[in-house]
N, C-alpha and C. Protein backbone atom coordinates (compact mmCIF):
# COMPACT_ATOMS: atom_id res chain seq x y z
N MET A 1 -30.23 6.75 -14.68
CA MET A 1 -29.08 6.55 -13.83
C MET A 1 -28.07 7.66 -14.16
N ARG A 2 -27.52 8.28 -13.10
CA ARG A 2 -26.51 9.31 -13.28
C ARG A 2 -25.23 8.87 -12.59
N ALA A 3 -24.11 9.21 -13.21
CA ALA A 3 -22.82 8.85 -12.63
C ALA A 3 -21.85 10.01 -12.78
N ASP A 4 -20.94 10.10 -11.81
CA ASP A 4 -19.95 11.17 -11.83
C ASP A 4 -18.68 10.64 -11.17
N TYR A 5 -17.56 10.80 -11.85
CA TYR A 5 -16.26 10.47 -11.26
C TYR A 5 -15.61 11.77 -10.83
N ASP A 6 -15.45 11.95 -9.54
CA ASP A 6 -14.78 13.11 -8.98
C ASP A 6 -13.30 12.75 -8.86
N SER A 7 -12.49 13.30 -9.76
CA SER A 7 -11.08 12.93 -9.79
C SER A 7 -10.31 13.43 -8.57
N THR A 8 -10.76 14.50 -7.96
CA THR A 8 -10.10 15.01 -6.76
C THR A 8 -10.36 14.08 -5.58
N ALA A 9 -11.59 13.66 -5.42
CA ALA A 9 -11.96 12.74 -4.33
C ALA A 9 -11.62 11.29 -4.67
N ASN A 10 -11.36 11.02 -5.94
CA ASN A 10 -11.08 9.67 -6.43
C ASN A 10 -12.22 8.73 -6.07
N ALA A 11 -13.44 9.17 -6.43
CA ALA A 11 -14.64 8.39 -6.12
C ALA A 11 -15.67 8.56 -7.22
N ILE A 12 -16.42 7.50 -7.42
CA ILE A 12 -17.53 7.52 -8.38
C ILE A 12 -18.83 7.52 -7.60
N SER A 13 -19.74 8.38 -8.00
CA SER A 13 -21.08 8.40 -7.43
C SER A 13 -22.04 7.95 -8.52
N ILE A 14 -22.87 6.95 -8.21
CA ILE A 14 -23.86 6.47 -9.16
C ILE A 14 -25.23 6.63 -8.52
N ALA A 15 -26.03 7.55 -9.05
CA ALA A 15 -27.39 7.75 -8.57
C ALA A 15 -28.29 6.74 -9.28
N ILE A 16 -28.88 5.86 -8.50
CA ILE A 16 -29.72 4.80 -9.06
C ILE A 16 -31.11 5.32 -9.36
N THR A 17 -31.61 6.17 -8.50
CA THR A 17 -32.95 6.73 -8.64
C THR A 17 -32.95 8.14 -8.08
N ASP A 18 -33.92 8.93 -8.48
CA ASP A 18 -34.06 10.27 -7.91
C ASP A 18 -34.69 10.15 -6.54
N ALA A 19 -34.04 10.64 -5.56
CA ALA A 19 -34.56 10.64 -4.19
C ALA A 19 -34.19 11.98 -3.57
N PRO A 20 -35.12 12.62 -2.89
CA PRO A 20 -34.81 13.91 -2.30
C PRO A 20 -33.71 13.84 -1.25
N HIS A 21 -33.60 12.72 -0.56
CA HIS A 21 -32.55 12.56 0.45
C HIS A 21 -32.39 11.09 0.81
N ALA A 22 -31.28 10.79 1.40
CA ALA A 22 -31.03 9.45 1.94
C ALA A 22 -31.10 9.55 3.45
N ASP A 23 -31.60 8.51 4.07
CA ASP A 23 -31.69 8.54 5.53
C ASP A 23 -30.85 7.45 6.19
N GLY A 24 -30.02 6.80 5.38
CA GLY A 24 -29.15 5.78 5.94
C GLY A 24 -28.11 5.37 4.92
N SER A 25 -27.21 4.51 5.33
CA SER A 25 -26.20 4.01 4.41
C SER A 25 -25.78 2.60 4.83
N ASP A 26 -25.18 1.89 3.90
CA ASP A 26 -24.73 0.53 4.13
C ASP A 26 -23.38 0.36 3.46
N GLU A 27 -22.35 0.03 4.24
CA GLU A 27 -21.04 -0.25 3.67
C GLU A 27 -21.04 -1.71 3.22
N VAL A 28 -21.29 -1.90 1.95
CA VAL A 28 -21.43 -3.24 1.37
C VAL A 28 -20.07 -3.88 1.13
N HIS A 29 -19.10 -3.06 0.84
CA HIS A 29 -17.73 -3.49 0.54
C HIS A 29 -16.85 -2.38 1.10
N HIS A 30 -15.60 -2.67 1.42
CA HIS A 30 -14.76 -1.63 2.01
C HIS A 30 -14.53 -0.44 1.07
N ARG A 31 -14.91 -0.58 -0.21
CA ARG A 31 -14.82 0.54 -1.14
C ARG A 31 -16.16 0.89 -1.77
N ALA A 32 -17.27 0.36 -1.24
CA ALA A 32 -18.59 0.65 -1.81
C ALA A 32 -19.60 0.90 -0.69
N ILE A 33 -20.18 2.08 -0.73
CA ILE A 33 -21.18 2.48 0.26
C ILE A 33 -22.47 2.78 -0.50
N VAL A 34 -23.58 2.26 0.01
CA VAL A 34 -24.87 2.46 -0.62
C VAL A 34 -25.68 3.41 0.25
N ALA A 35 -26.18 4.49 -0.34
CA ALA A 35 -27.08 5.41 0.36
C ALA A 35 -28.49 4.85 0.24
N LEU A 36 -29.23 4.91 1.34
CA LEU A 36 -30.56 4.31 1.40
C LEU A 36 -31.62 5.34 1.73
N ALA A 37 -32.77 5.20 1.10
CA ALA A 37 -33.97 5.95 1.45
C ALA A 37 -34.95 4.89 1.94
N GLY A 38 -35.14 4.84 3.24
CA GLY A 38 -35.85 3.70 3.82
C GLY A 38 -34.91 2.50 3.70
N ASP A 39 -35.39 1.45 3.08
CA ASP A 39 -34.51 0.30 2.85
C ASP A 39 -34.16 0.17 1.37
N ARG A 40 -34.45 1.20 0.60
CA ARG A 40 -34.24 1.20 -0.85
C ARG A 40 -32.93 1.88 -1.22
N PRO A 41 -32.08 1.23 -2.03
CA PRO A 41 -30.83 1.88 -2.44
C PRO A 41 -31.11 3.01 -3.43
N VAL A 42 -30.48 4.16 -3.20
CA VAL A 42 -30.69 5.30 -4.10
C VAL A 42 -29.39 5.79 -4.74
N GLU A 43 -28.26 5.46 -4.13
CA GLU A 43 -26.98 5.91 -4.68
C GLU A 43 -25.86 4.99 -4.22
N VAL A 44 -24.86 4.83 -5.07
CA VAL A 44 -23.68 4.03 -4.75
C VAL A 44 -22.47 4.94 -4.81
N GLN A 45 -21.64 4.89 -3.79
CA GLN A 45 -20.36 5.60 -3.77
C GLN A 45 -19.28 4.54 -3.89
N LEU A 46 -18.44 4.66 -4.89
CA LEU A 46 -17.36 3.71 -5.12
C LEU A 46 -16.03 4.44 -4.95
N LEU A 47 -15.26 4.03 -3.96
CA LEU A 47 -13.98 4.68 -3.66
C LEU A 47 -12.83 3.99 -4.37
N TYR A 48 -11.83 4.77 -4.74
CA TYR A 48 -10.60 4.28 -5.37
C TYR A 48 -10.87 3.34 -6.55
N PRO A 49 -11.57 3.82 -7.58
CA PRO A 49 -11.92 2.95 -8.70
C PRO A 49 -10.72 2.37 -9.44
N GLU A 50 -9.54 2.99 -9.31
CA GLU A 50 -8.36 2.44 -9.98
C GLU A 50 -7.98 1.08 -9.39
N MET A 51 -8.51 0.74 -8.24
CA MET A 51 -8.26 -0.56 -7.63
C MET A 51 -9.21 -1.64 -8.18
N GLY A 52 -10.07 -1.22 -9.10
CA GLY A 52 -11.02 -2.15 -9.71
C GLY A 52 -12.45 -1.81 -9.33
N ILE A 53 -13.34 -2.01 -10.26
CA ILE A 53 -14.76 -1.69 -10.00
C ILE A 53 -15.64 -2.93 -9.94
N THR A 54 -15.17 -4.03 -10.47
CA THR A 54 -16.02 -5.23 -10.57
C THR A 54 -16.39 -5.80 -9.21
N GLU A 55 -15.42 -6.03 -8.35
CA GLU A 55 -15.70 -6.66 -7.05
C GLU A 55 -16.67 -5.84 -6.20
N PRO A 56 -16.42 -4.54 -5.98
CA PRO A 56 -17.36 -3.79 -5.14
C PRO A 56 -18.74 -3.63 -5.78
N LEU A 57 -18.80 -3.44 -7.09
CA LEU A 57 -20.10 -3.29 -7.73
C LEU A 57 -20.88 -4.60 -7.74
N THR A 58 -20.19 -5.71 -7.86
CA THR A 58 -20.86 -7.01 -7.79
C THR A 58 -21.43 -7.22 -6.39
N ALA A 59 -20.69 -6.82 -5.37
CA ALA A 59 -21.19 -6.93 -3.99
C ALA A 59 -22.46 -6.11 -3.79
N VAL A 60 -22.47 -4.90 -4.33
CA VAL A 60 -23.65 -4.04 -4.24
C VAL A 60 -24.83 -4.66 -4.99
N ALA A 61 -24.58 -5.09 -6.22
CA ALA A 61 -25.64 -5.68 -7.05
C ALA A 61 -26.23 -6.91 -6.37
N ASP A 62 -25.38 -7.75 -5.83
CA ASP A 62 -25.86 -8.97 -5.17
C ASP A 62 -26.68 -8.66 -3.93
N ARG A 63 -26.22 -7.73 -3.11
CA ARG A 63 -26.93 -7.43 -1.86
C ARG A 63 -28.29 -6.81 -2.12
N TYR A 64 -28.38 -5.93 -3.13
CA TYR A 64 -29.62 -5.19 -3.37
C TYR A 64 -30.37 -5.62 -4.63
N GLU A 65 -29.94 -6.72 -5.22
CA GLU A 65 -30.58 -7.25 -6.43
C GLU A 65 -30.68 -6.18 -7.52
N LEU A 66 -29.55 -5.53 -7.79
CA LEU A 66 -29.47 -4.50 -8.83
C LEU A 66 -28.80 -5.09 -10.06
N ASP A 67 -28.93 -4.39 -11.16
CA ASP A 67 -28.35 -4.82 -12.43
C ASP A 67 -26.84 -4.55 -12.41
N ARG A 68 -26.05 -5.60 -12.25
CA ARG A 68 -24.60 -5.47 -12.16
C ARG A 68 -24.02 -4.83 -13.42
N GLU A 69 -24.53 -5.24 -14.57
CA GLU A 69 -24.01 -4.71 -15.83
C GLU A 69 -24.32 -3.22 -15.97
N ALA A 70 -25.48 -2.79 -15.52
CA ALA A 70 -25.83 -1.37 -15.59
C ALA A 70 -24.94 -0.55 -14.66
N LEU A 71 -24.69 -1.06 -13.45
CA LEU A 71 -23.78 -0.36 -12.53
C LEU A 71 -22.38 -0.25 -13.13
N HIS A 72 -21.93 -1.33 -13.73
CA HIS A 72 -20.61 -1.36 -14.35
C HIS A 72 -20.54 -0.36 -15.50
N ALA A 73 -21.57 -0.32 -16.33
CA ALA A 73 -21.61 0.63 -17.46
C ALA A 73 -21.58 2.07 -16.95
N ALA A 74 -22.30 2.34 -15.87
CA ALA A 74 -22.32 3.69 -15.30
C ALA A 74 -20.94 4.07 -14.79
N ALA A 75 -20.29 3.16 -14.07
CA ALA A 75 -18.96 3.45 -13.54
C ALA A 75 -17.95 3.67 -14.66
N GLN A 76 -17.97 2.83 -15.67
CA GLN A 76 -17.05 2.99 -16.79
C GLN A 76 -17.29 4.30 -17.53
N SER A 77 -18.55 4.68 -17.68
CA SER A 77 -18.87 5.94 -18.35
C SER A 77 -18.36 7.14 -17.55
N ALA A 78 -18.52 7.07 -16.24
CA ALA A 78 -18.04 8.15 -15.38
C ALA A 78 -16.52 8.28 -15.46
N LEU A 79 -15.83 7.14 -15.48
CA LEU A 79 -14.37 7.18 -15.60
C LEU A 79 -13.92 7.73 -16.95
N ALA A 80 -14.70 7.49 -17.98
CA ALA A 80 -14.35 7.95 -19.32
C ALA A 80 -14.53 9.47 -19.47
N ALA A 81 -15.38 10.06 -18.62
CA ALA A 81 -15.63 11.50 -18.68
C ALA A 81 -15.50 12.08 -17.27
N PRO A 82 -14.28 12.13 -16.74
CA PRO A 82 -14.10 12.57 -15.35
C PRO A 82 -14.59 14.00 -15.11
N ASP A 83 -15.08 14.20 -13.89
CA ASP A 83 -15.51 15.51 -13.42
C ASP A 83 -16.65 16.10 -14.24
N ARG A 84 -17.42 15.21 -14.84
CA ARG A 84 -18.63 15.62 -15.57
C ARG A 84 -19.73 14.62 -15.24
N LEU A 85 -20.96 15.10 -15.24
CA LEU A 85 -22.11 14.23 -15.00
C LEU A 85 -22.42 13.44 -16.26
N VAL A 86 -22.57 12.14 -16.11
CA VAL A 86 -22.93 11.26 -17.20
C VAL A 86 -24.32 10.71 -16.89
N ILE A 87 -25.21 10.77 -17.86
CA ILE A 87 -26.58 10.27 -17.68
C ILE A 87 -26.77 9.08 -18.61
N LEU A 88 -27.22 7.97 -18.03
CA LEU A 88 -27.43 6.74 -18.80
C LEU A 88 -28.87 6.28 -18.66
N GLU A 89 -29.38 5.75 -19.72
CA GLU A 89 -30.67 5.07 -19.67
C GLU A 89 -30.39 3.62 -20.03
N VAL A 90 -30.66 2.73 -19.12
CA VAL A 90 -30.42 1.31 -19.34
C VAL A 90 -31.75 0.62 -19.42
N ALA A 91 -32.04 0.06 -20.57
CA ALA A 91 -33.32 -0.61 -20.78
C ALA A 91 -33.26 -2.03 -20.23
N ALA A 92 -34.41 -2.57 -19.94
CA ALA A 92 -34.50 -3.96 -19.48
C ALA A 92 -34.11 -4.88 -20.62
N ARG A 93 -33.67 -6.06 -20.27
CA ARG A 93 -33.33 -7.06 -21.29
C ARG A 93 -34.57 -7.42 -22.08
N ALA A 94 -34.38 -7.63 -23.36
CA ALA A 94 -35.47 -8.10 -24.20
C ALA A 94 -35.71 -9.57 -23.88
N SER A 95 -36.95 -9.96 -23.73
CA SER A 95 -37.22 -11.37 -23.47
C SER A 95 -37.37 -12.11 -24.79
N ALA A 96 -36.90 -13.34 -24.78
CA ALA A 96 -36.89 -14.13 -26.01
C ALA A 96 -38.20 -14.82 -26.24
């Protein structure tokens, strides 16, 4: 997962998977747009993160059955290192 906070655009981009291109999009929340390759989410654009990241990212995670905590970690990491690419590897939960 890659994330980048563009401070000029005031937006976070979270690449969920490597995809050569997106062929559609879905406005899941008024501040969260999901880029789609087919019907598969490949990237999340989060606008105005200073207004909060939990609500829009939860909406995205719920609609596409994505890991909400991983999206949140990516967004927080991007905000912590603005205008730089942050790469995260999020492992699956260990089963008990």
